N, C-alpha and C. Protein backbone atom coordinates (compact mmCIF):
# COMPACT_ATOMS: atom_id res chain seq x y z
N MET A 1 2.36 -82.69 6.15
CA MET A 1 1.13 -82.97 6.88
C MET A 1 1.45 -83.83 8.09
N ALA A 2 2.41 -84.73 7.96
CA ALA A 2 2.76 -85.59 9.09
C ALA A 2 3.26 -84.77 10.27
N ALA A 3 4.03 -83.74 10.00
CA ALA A 3 4.56 -82.90 11.08
C ALA A 3 3.46 -82.13 11.80
N GLN A 4 2.38 -81.87 11.13
CA GLN A 4 1.26 -81.10 11.69
C GLN A 4 0.09 -81.98 12.10
N TRP A 5 0.26 -83.30 12.05
CA TRP A 5 -0.85 -84.22 12.25
C TRP A 5 -1.60 -83.97 13.55
N ASP A 6 -0.88 -83.82 14.67
CA ASP A 6 -1.55 -83.63 15.96
C ASP A 6 -2.40 -82.37 15.98
N ALA A 7 -1.85 -81.27 15.49
CA ALA A 7 -2.60 -80.00 15.46
C ALA A 7 -3.78 -80.10 14.50
N LEU A 8 -3.58 -80.74 13.36
CA LEU A 8 -4.67 -80.88 12.39
C LEU A 8 -5.75 -81.82 12.91
N TYR A 9 -5.35 -82.87 13.64
CA TYR A 9 -6.34 -83.76 14.23
C TYR A 9 -7.16 -83.02 15.28
N ARG A 10 -6.49 -82.22 16.12
CA ARG A 10 -7.21 -81.45 17.13
C ARG A 10 -8.23 -80.53 16.46
N LEU A 11 -7.81 -79.87 15.38
CA LEU A 11 -8.71 -79.00 14.65
C LEU A 11 -9.89 -79.80 14.09
N ALA A 12 -9.61 -80.93 13.47
CA ALA A 12 -10.68 -81.76 12.91
C ALA A 12 -11.62 -82.24 14.01
N ARG A 13 -11.08 -82.60 15.16
CA ARG A 13 -11.89 -83.07 16.30
C ARG A 13 -12.83 -81.97 16.78
N LEU A 14 -12.28 -80.77 16.87
CA LEU A 14 -13.10 -79.65 17.33
C LEU A 14 -14.17 -79.28 16.31
N LEU A 15 -13.82 -79.34 15.04
CA LEU A 15 -14.79 -79.00 14.00
C LEU A 15 -15.85 -80.09 13.84
N ALA A 16 -15.44 -81.34 13.94
CA ALA A 16 -16.35 -82.45 13.70
C ALA A 16 -17.17 -82.81 14.93
N GLY A 17 -16.61 -82.63 16.11
CA GLY A 17 -17.35 -82.91 17.32
C GLY A 17 -17.25 -84.33 17.83
N ALA A 18 -16.62 -85.24 17.08
CA ALA A 18 -16.50 -86.63 17.52
C ALA A 18 -15.23 -87.23 16.94
N ASP A 19 -14.60 -88.12 17.70
CA ASP A 19 -13.34 -88.72 17.25
C ASP A 19 -13.49 -89.46 15.93
N THR A 20 -14.53 -90.26 15.79
CA THR A 20 -14.68 -91.05 14.57
C THR A 20 -14.91 -90.14 13.36
N THR A 21 -15.69 -89.11 13.54
CA THR A 21 -15.92 -88.17 12.45
C THR A 21 -14.64 -87.41 12.15
N ALA A 22 -13.88 -87.06 13.17
CA ALA A 22 -12.61 -86.35 12.97
C ALA A 22 -11.65 -87.21 12.16
N ASP A 23 -11.61 -88.51 12.45
CA ASP A 23 -10.76 -89.41 11.67
C ASP A 23 -11.16 -89.38 10.20
N ASP A 24 -12.46 -89.45 9.94
CA ASP A 24 -12.95 -89.41 8.56
C ASP A 24 -12.60 -88.09 7.88
N VAL A 25 -12.80 -86.99 8.61
CA VAL A 25 -12.50 -85.67 8.06
C VAL A 25 -11.02 -85.57 7.74
N LEU A 26 -10.18 -86.01 8.65
CA LEU A 26 -8.74 -85.89 8.44
C LEU A 26 -8.28 -86.77 7.28
N GLN A 27 -8.84 -87.96 7.16
CA GLN A 27 -8.49 -88.82 6.03
C GLN A 27 -8.92 -88.19 4.70
N ALA A 28 -10.13 -87.64 4.66
CA ALA A 28 -10.59 -86.97 3.44
C ALA A 28 -9.73 -85.75 3.13
N ALA A 29 -9.33 -85.02 4.17
CA ALA A 29 -8.47 -83.85 3.98
C ALA A 29 -7.10 -84.28 3.47
N LEU A 30 -6.60 -85.38 3.99
CA LEU A 30 -5.32 -85.91 3.52
C LEU A 30 -5.38 -86.24 2.03
N LEU A 31 -6.47 -86.85 1.61
CA LEU A 31 -6.64 -87.15 0.18
C LEU A 31 -6.65 -85.86 -0.65
N ARG A 32 -7.36 -84.85 -0.16
CA ARG A 32 -7.39 -83.57 -0.87
C ARG A 32 -5.99 -82.95 -0.93
N ALA A 33 -5.26 -83.04 0.18
CA ALA A 33 -3.90 -82.47 0.22
C ALA A 33 -2.97 -83.20 -0.73
N VAL A 34 -3.10 -84.52 -0.80
CA VAL A 34 -2.26 -85.30 -1.71
C VAL A 34 -2.58 -84.94 -3.16
N ARG A 35 -3.86 -84.81 -3.46
CA ARG A 35 -4.25 -84.45 -4.83
C ARG A 35 -3.71 -83.08 -5.24
N SER A 36 -3.59 -82.18 -4.28
CA SER A 36 -3.10 -80.83 -4.61
C SER A 36 -1.77 -80.55 -3.92
N HIS A 37 -0.92 -81.58 -3.83
CA HIS A 37 0.34 -81.43 -3.10
C HIS A 37 1.24 -80.35 -3.66
N ARG A 38 1.21 -80.13 -4.95
CA ARG A 38 2.04 -79.06 -5.53
C ARG A 38 1.59 -77.69 -5.02
N ALA A 39 0.30 -77.49 -4.95
CA ALA A 39 -0.23 -76.21 -4.45
C ALA A 39 0.10 -76.04 -2.97
N VAL A 40 0.02 -77.12 -2.21
CA VAL A 40 0.35 -77.05 -0.77
C VAL A 40 1.80 -76.66 -0.60
N LEU A 41 2.68 -77.34 -1.32
CA LEU A 41 4.11 -77.06 -1.20
C LEU A 41 4.49 -75.67 -1.71
N ALA A 42 3.77 -75.18 -2.71
CA ALA A 42 4.08 -73.87 -3.28
C ALA A 42 3.45 -72.72 -2.50
N ALA A 43 2.57 -73.03 -1.58
CA ALA A 43 1.88 -71.98 -0.82
C ALA A 43 2.87 -71.22 0.07
N ASP A 44 2.58 -69.94 0.28
CA ASP A 44 3.41 -69.14 1.18
C ASP A 44 3.37 -69.69 2.60
N ALA A 45 2.23 -70.22 2.99
CA ALA A 45 2.06 -70.79 4.33
C ALA A 45 1.41 -72.17 4.19
N PRO A 46 2.22 -73.21 3.97
CA PRO A 46 1.65 -74.55 3.77
C PRO A 46 0.79 -75.04 4.93
N VAL A 47 1.15 -74.69 6.16
CA VAL A 47 0.35 -75.13 7.31
C VAL A 47 -1.03 -74.48 7.26
N ALA A 48 -1.08 -73.21 6.92
CA ALA A 48 -2.37 -72.53 6.79
C ALA A 48 -3.19 -73.16 5.66
N TYR A 49 -2.53 -73.54 4.59
CA TYR A 49 -3.21 -74.19 3.47
C TYR A 49 -3.80 -75.52 3.94
N LEU A 50 -3.04 -76.30 4.71
CA LEU A 50 -3.54 -77.56 5.23
C LEU A 50 -4.70 -77.33 6.19
N ARG A 51 -4.60 -76.29 7.02
CA ARG A 51 -5.69 -75.96 7.95
C ARG A 51 -6.96 -75.65 7.16
N ARG A 52 -6.79 -74.94 6.05
CA ARG A 52 -7.96 -74.62 5.23
C ARG A 52 -8.57 -75.88 4.63
N ILE A 53 -7.73 -76.80 4.18
CA ILE A 53 -8.24 -78.05 3.62
C ILE A 53 -9.03 -78.82 4.68
N VAL A 54 -8.49 -78.91 5.89
CA VAL A 54 -9.19 -79.63 6.97
C VAL A 54 -10.51 -78.94 7.30
N THR A 55 -10.49 -77.62 7.39
CA THR A 55 -11.70 -76.88 7.75
C THR A 55 -12.78 -77.02 6.69
N THR A 56 -12.42 -76.83 5.43
CA THR A 56 -13.43 -76.95 4.38
C THR A 56 -13.95 -78.38 4.27
N THR A 57 -13.07 -79.35 4.50
CA THR A 57 -13.51 -80.74 4.48
C THR A 57 -14.51 -81.00 5.61
N ALA A 58 -14.22 -80.49 6.80
CA ALA A 58 -15.13 -80.67 7.94
C ALA A 58 -16.48 -80.01 7.68
N VAL A 59 -16.47 -78.80 7.14
CA VAL A 59 -17.72 -78.10 6.85
C VAL A 59 -18.50 -78.85 5.77
N ASP A 60 -17.81 -79.31 4.73
CA ASP A 60 -18.47 -80.07 3.66
C ASP A 60 -19.08 -81.37 4.19
N GLU A 61 -18.32 -82.09 5.02
CA GLU A 61 -18.80 -83.35 5.57
C GLU A 61 -20.02 -83.12 6.47
N ALA A 62 -19.98 -82.07 7.29
CA ALA A 62 -21.12 -81.78 8.17
C ALA A 62 -22.36 -81.41 7.36
N ALA A 63 -22.17 -80.63 6.30
CA ALA A 63 -23.31 -80.26 5.46
C ALA A 63 -23.89 -81.49 4.76
N ARG A 64 -23.01 -82.36 4.29
CA ARG A 64 -23.46 -83.59 3.63
C ARG A 64 -24.24 -84.47 4.61
N ALA A 65 -23.74 -84.61 5.83
CA ALA A 65 -24.42 -85.42 6.84
C ALA A 65 -25.78 -84.82 7.20
N ALA A 66 -25.83 -83.50 7.33
CA ALA A 66 -27.10 -82.84 7.65
C ALA A 66 -28.11 -83.05 6.54
N ARG A 67 -27.65 -82.97 5.31
CA ARG A 67 -28.53 -83.19 4.16
C ARG A 67 -29.08 -84.62 4.18
N ARG A 68 -28.21 -85.60 4.48
CA ARG A 68 -28.68 -86.98 4.56
C ARG A 68 -29.72 -87.16 5.66
N ARG A 69 -29.48 -86.52 6.83
CA ARG A 69 -30.45 -86.63 7.93
C ARG A 69 -31.79 -86.03 7.54
N ARG A 70 -31.76 -84.86 6.87
CA ARG A 70 -33.02 -84.23 6.42
C ARG A 70 -33.76 -85.14 5.45
N GLU A 71 -33.01 -85.72 4.52
CA GLU A 71 -33.63 -86.61 3.53
C GLU A 71 -34.22 -87.84 4.21
N GLN A 72 -33.53 -88.40 5.19
CA GLN A 72 -34.03 -89.57 5.90
C GLN A 72 -35.28 -89.23 6.69
N ARG A 73 -35.30 -88.07 7.33
CA ARG A 73 -36.50 -87.66 8.09
C ARG A 73 -37.66 -87.41 7.14
N ALA A 74 -37.38 -86.82 5.98
CA ALA A 74 -38.45 -86.55 5.01
C ALA A 74 -39.04 -87.86 4.49
N ASP A 75 -38.19 -88.87 4.32
CA ASP A 75 -38.66 -90.17 3.86
C ASP A 75 -39.38 -90.93 4.97
N GLY A 76 -39.07 -90.58 6.21
CA GLY A 76 -39.64 -91.29 7.33
C GLY A 76 -39.01 -92.65 7.54
N THR A 77 -37.88 -92.91 6.85
CA THR A 77 -37.27 -94.23 6.93
C THR A 77 -36.37 -94.41 8.13
N ASP A 78 -35.73 -93.33 8.58
CA ASP A 78 -34.75 -93.49 9.64
C ASP A 78 -34.56 -92.16 10.35
N HIS A 79 -34.42 -92.21 11.62
CA HIS A 79 -34.09 -91.02 12.39
C HIS A 79 -32.62 -91.14 12.74
N ALA A 80 -31.79 -90.42 11.97
CA ALA A 80 -30.34 -90.54 12.12
C ALA A 80 -29.89 -90.10 13.50
N HIS A 81 -28.81 -90.69 13.93
CA HIS A 81 -28.20 -90.36 15.22
C HIS A 81 -27.66 -88.94 15.19
N ASP A 82 -27.87 -88.21 16.26
CA ASP A 82 -27.36 -86.85 16.38
C ASP A 82 -25.88 -86.92 16.77
N PRO A 83 -24.95 -86.46 15.90
CA PRO A 83 -23.53 -86.59 16.20
C PRO A 83 -23.10 -85.76 17.40
N THR A 84 -23.86 -84.77 17.78
CA THR A 84 -23.46 -83.97 18.94
C THR A 84 -23.57 -84.77 20.23
N LEU A 85 -24.31 -85.90 20.19
CA LEU A 85 -24.42 -86.74 21.37
C LEU A 85 -23.11 -87.48 21.66
N ASP A 86 -22.25 -87.61 20.63
CA ASP A 86 -20.97 -88.30 20.80
C ASP A 86 -19.90 -87.40 21.39
N VAL A 87 -20.18 -86.11 21.49
CA VAL A 87 -19.18 -85.15 21.94
C VAL A 87 -18.84 -85.38 23.40
N ASP A 88 -17.57 -85.30 23.71
CA ASP A 88 -17.11 -85.39 25.09
C ASP A 88 -17.62 -84.14 25.79
N SER A 89 -18.53 -84.29 26.72
CA SER A 89 -19.19 -83.14 27.33
C SER A 89 -18.64 -82.82 28.70
N ARG A 90 -17.31 -82.74 28.83
CA ARG A 90 -16.71 -82.40 30.12
C ARG A 90 -17.12 -81.00 30.57
N GLY A 91 -17.24 -80.10 29.62
CA GLY A 91 -17.62 -78.73 29.96
C GLY A 91 -19.04 -78.44 29.54
N GLU A 92 -19.56 -77.38 30.05
CA GLU A 92 -20.92 -76.98 29.71
C GLU A 92 -20.98 -76.37 28.32
N LEU A 93 -19.91 -75.73 27.88
CA LEU A 93 -19.92 -74.98 26.62
C LEU A 93 -19.71 -75.85 25.39
N TRP A 94 -18.82 -76.83 25.48
CA TRP A 94 -18.48 -77.57 24.26
C TRP A 94 -19.68 -78.21 23.56
N PRO A 95 -20.61 -78.85 24.26
CA PRO A 95 -21.75 -79.43 23.55
C PRO A 95 -22.57 -78.37 22.80
N LEU A 96 -22.59 -77.17 23.34
CA LEU A 96 -23.32 -76.09 22.66
C LEU A 96 -22.58 -75.65 21.41
N VAL A 97 -21.26 -75.60 21.47
CA VAL A 97 -20.45 -75.26 20.30
C VAL A 97 -20.63 -76.34 19.24
N ALA A 98 -20.60 -77.59 19.67
CA ALA A 98 -20.73 -78.71 18.74
C ALA A 98 -22.09 -78.70 18.03
N ALA A 99 -23.10 -78.12 18.65
CA ALA A 99 -24.44 -78.09 18.06
C ALA A 99 -24.63 -76.93 17.07
N LEU A 100 -23.66 -76.04 16.98
CA LEU A 100 -23.77 -74.92 16.04
C LEU A 100 -23.73 -75.43 14.60
N PRO A 101 -24.30 -74.67 13.65
CA PRO A 101 -24.16 -75.03 12.24
C PRO A 101 -22.67 -75.07 11.86
N PRO A 102 -22.30 -75.87 10.86
CA PRO A 102 -20.90 -76.10 10.54
C PRO A 102 -20.04 -74.85 10.36
N ARG A 103 -20.50 -73.87 9.60
CA ARG A 103 -19.66 -72.68 9.37
C ARG A 103 -19.53 -71.84 10.64
N GLN A 104 -20.58 -71.74 11.43
CA GLN A 104 -20.50 -71.01 12.69
C GLN A 104 -19.55 -71.72 13.64
N ARG A 105 -19.65 -73.05 13.70
CA ARG A 105 -18.75 -73.82 14.55
C ARG A 105 -17.32 -73.64 14.09
N ALA A 106 -17.09 -73.63 12.77
CA ALA A 106 -15.74 -73.43 12.24
C ALA A 106 -15.18 -72.09 12.67
N VAL A 107 -16.00 -71.04 12.60
CA VAL A 107 -15.53 -69.72 13.02
C VAL A 107 -15.17 -69.72 14.51
N VAL A 108 -16.02 -70.30 15.34
CA VAL A 108 -15.76 -70.33 16.78
C VAL A 108 -14.50 -71.14 17.09
N VAL A 109 -14.36 -72.29 16.46
CA VAL A 109 -13.18 -73.13 16.70
C VAL A 109 -11.92 -72.43 16.25
N LEU A 110 -11.95 -71.87 15.04
CA LEU A 110 -10.75 -71.21 14.53
C LEU A 110 -10.40 -69.98 15.35
N ARG A 111 -11.39 -69.27 15.85
CA ARG A 111 -11.12 -68.06 16.62
C ARG A 111 -10.67 -68.37 18.05
N PHE A 112 -11.43 -69.19 18.74
CA PHE A 112 -11.19 -69.37 20.17
C PHE A 112 -10.33 -70.58 20.52
N TYR A 113 -10.30 -71.59 19.65
CA TYR A 113 -9.47 -72.76 19.93
C TYR A 113 -8.13 -72.68 19.19
N GLU A 114 -8.15 -72.16 17.96
CA GLU A 114 -6.94 -72.04 17.17
C GLU A 114 -6.33 -70.64 17.27
N ASP A 115 -7.05 -69.69 17.86
CA ASP A 115 -6.56 -68.33 18.09
C ASP A 115 -6.17 -67.61 16.80
N LEU A 116 -6.99 -67.75 15.76
CA LEU A 116 -6.75 -67.06 14.50
C LEU A 116 -7.49 -65.73 14.48
N SER A 117 -6.96 -64.80 13.72
CA SER A 117 -7.62 -63.51 13.55
C SER A 117 -8.76 -63.64 12.54
N GLU A 118 -9.60 -62.62 12.45
CA GLU A 118 -10.70 -62.65 11.48
C GLU A 118 -10.16 -62.80 10.07
N ARG A 119 -9.09 -62.11 9.76
CA ARG A 119 -8.49 -62.18 8.43
C ARG A 119 -7.97 -63.60 8.15
N GLU A 120 -7.34 -64.22 9.14
CA GLU A 120 -6.84 -65.59 8.96
C GLU A 120 -7.99 -66.58 8.82
N ILE A 121 -9.04 -66.37 9.59
CA ILE A 121 -10.22 -67.25 9.48
C ILE A 121 -10.85 -67.10 8.10
N ALA A 122 -10.95 -65.88 7.62
CA ALA A 122 -11.51 -65.64 6.29
C ALA A 122 -10.68 -66.37 5.23
N ALA A 123 -9.37 -66.35 5.38
CA ALA A 123 -8.51 -67.06 4.42
C ALA A 123 -8.73 -68.56 4.49
N VAL A 124 -8.88 -69.09 5.69
CA VAL A 124 -9.10 -70.53 5.86
C VAL A 124 -10.44 -70.94 5.26
N LEU A 125 -11.47 -70.15 5.52
CA LEU A 125 -12.82 -70.50 5.05
C LEU A 125 -13.09 -70.06 3.62
N GLY A 126 -12.19 -69.25 3.05
CA GLY A 126 -12.39 -68.77 1.68
C GLY A 126 -13.54 -67.79 1.56
N CYS A 127 -13.63 -66.89 2.53
CA CYS A 127 -14.70 -65.89 2.52
C CYS A 127 -14.13 -64.54 2.93
N ARG A 128 -14.98 -63.55 3.01
CA ARG A 128 -14.55 -62.21 3.43
C ARG A 128 -14.56 -62.09 4.95
N PRO A 129 -13.73 -61.19 5.48
CA PRO A 129 -13.74 -60.97 6.93
C PRO A 129 -15.12 -60.58 7.47
N GLY A 130 -15.90 -59.88 6.68
CA GLY A 130 -17.25 -59.52 7.10
C GLY A 130 -18.13 -60.74 7.32
N THR A 131 -17.94 -61.76 6.50
CA THR A 131 -18.68 -63.01 6.67
C THR A 131 -18.26 -63.68 7.96
N VAL A 132 -16.96 -63.64 8.25
CA VAL A 132 -16.47 -64.21 9.51
C VAL A 132 -17.12 -63.49 10.68
N LYS A 133 -17.18 -62.15 10.60
CA LYS A 133 -17.79 -61.37 11.68
C LYS A 133 -19.26 -61.74 11.86
N SER A 134 -20.00 -61.84 10.76
CA SER A 134 -21.44 -62.13 10.88
C SER A 134 -21.67 -63.56 11.37
N GLN A 135 -20.87 -64.51 10.87
CA GLN A 135 -21.01 -65.89 11.34
C GLN A 135 -20.63 -65.99 12.82
N GLY A 136 -19.58 -65.28 13.21
CA GLY A 136 -19.16 -65.26 14.62
C GLY A 136 -20.22 -64.64 15.51
N ALA A 137 -20.81 -63.54 15.06
CA ALA A 137 -21.85 -62.88 15.85
C ALA A 137 -23.07 -63.78 15.99
N ALA A 138 -23.45 -64.44 14.90
CA ALA A 138 -24.60 -65.35 14.97
C ALA A 138 -24.30 -66.51 15.91
N ALA A 139 -23.08 -67.04 15.83
CA ALA A 139 -22.70 -68.15 16.71
C ALA A 139 -22.73 -67.71 18.17
N MET A 140 -22.18 -66.54 18.47
CA MET A 140 -22.16 -66.07 19.84
C MET A 140 -23.58 -65.83 20.36
N ALA A 141 -24.46 -65.31 19.51
CA ALA A 141 -25.85 -65.10 19.92
C ALA A 141 -26.52 -66.44 20.25
N LYS A 142 -26.28 -67.46 19.42
CA LYS A 142 -26.86 -68.78 19.68
C LYS A 142 -26.29 -69.37 20.97
N LEU A 143 -24.98 -69.18 21.18
CA LEU A 143 -24.37 -69.72 22.39
C LEU A 143 -24.92 -69.03 23.64
N ARG A 144 -25.06 -67.69 23.57
CA ARG A 144 -25.64 -66.97 24.71
C ARG A 144 -27.05 -67.45 25.01
N GLN A 145 -27.84 -67.60 23.94
CA GLN A 145 -29.22 -68.06 24.11
C GLN A 145 -29.26 -69.47 24.71
N ALA A 146 -28.41 -70.34 24.20
CA ALA A 146 -28.37 -71.71 24.70
C ALA A 146 -27.90 -71.76 26.15
N LEU A 147 -26.91 -70.94 26.48
CA LEU A 147 -26.42 -70.89 27.86
C LEU A 147 -27.48 -70.36 28.81
N ALA A 148 -28.23 -69.37 28.34
CA ALA A 148 -29.29 -68.82 29.18
C ALA A 148 -30.39 -69.85 29.45
N ALA A 149 -30.62 -70.72 28.49
CA ALA A 149 -31.68 -71.73 28.62
C ALA A 149 -31.18 -73.02 29.26
N ALA A 150 -29.85 -73.19 29.33
CA ALA A 150 -29.29 -74.45 29.85
C ALA A 150 -29.52 -74.57 31.34
N PRO A 151 -29.88 -75.76 31.78
CA PRO A 151 -30.05 -75.98 33.22
C PRO A 151 -28.71 -75.86 33.95
N VAL A 152 -28.78 -75.32 35.15
CA VAL A 152 -27.60 -75.18 35.99
C VAL A 152 -27.85 -75.99 37.25
N GLY A 153 -26.90 -76.80 37.61
CA GLY A 153 -27.06 -77.58 38.84
C GLY A 153 -28.22 -78.54 38.74
N LYS A 154 -29.17 -78.45 39.66
CA LYS A 154 -30.28 -79.40 39.75
C LYS A 154 -31.55 -78.82 39.16
N GLY A 155 -31.60 -78.75 37.83
CA GLY A 155 -32.83 -78.34 37.18
C GLY A 155 -33.09 -76.85 37.16
N GLU A 156 -32.17 -76.04 37.67
CA GLU A 156 -32.36 -74.60 37.63
C GLU A 156 -32.03 -74.10 36.24
N SER A 157 -32.46 -72.90 35.91
CA SER A 157 -32.06 -72.29 34.65
C SER A 157 -31.53 -70.90 34.92
N ARG A 158 -30.72 -70.45 33.99
CA ARG A 158 -30.11 -69.12 34.13
C ARG A 158 -31.10 -68.03 33.80
N ASP A 159 -31.02 -66.93 34.51
CA ASP A 159 -31.81 -65.75 34.18
C ASP A 159 -30.83 -64.66 33.78
N ARG A 160 -31.01 -64.10 32.59
CA ARG A 160 -30.13 -63.03 32.10
C ARG A 160 -30.94 -61.92 31.52
């Protein structure tokens, strides 16, 4: 894991959307990897196994955080901070990717940032390639819709 730390951190950062959350995800993934170190070492592709651990940890953490936010809003006790606001928004697209649901964001990150095939993404996420296709299609539709609605320049919007 130490040899792959930089690549795994980049993956966690892209999946989590914020440095502090990526640190938490990577630490939790490290604990999972240590607990199952025999399986990691015995795997045909240990790096792919570690990538899967990081990805599932990020998806699990995002789902847990979303559940907490929903519960807090339902209680009316607290309006949790939106983690997508912490995202480095140098580009127009990244904040939109960061706002996708966790599994859709995972598919987009693994496909376009990690350059994995649908079959490899399915292995990382523990699902079928068809699920990867449908999650990817849904993510792309949301991104297109968000881009079409996003302001361009000084308050203009895109027409498509």
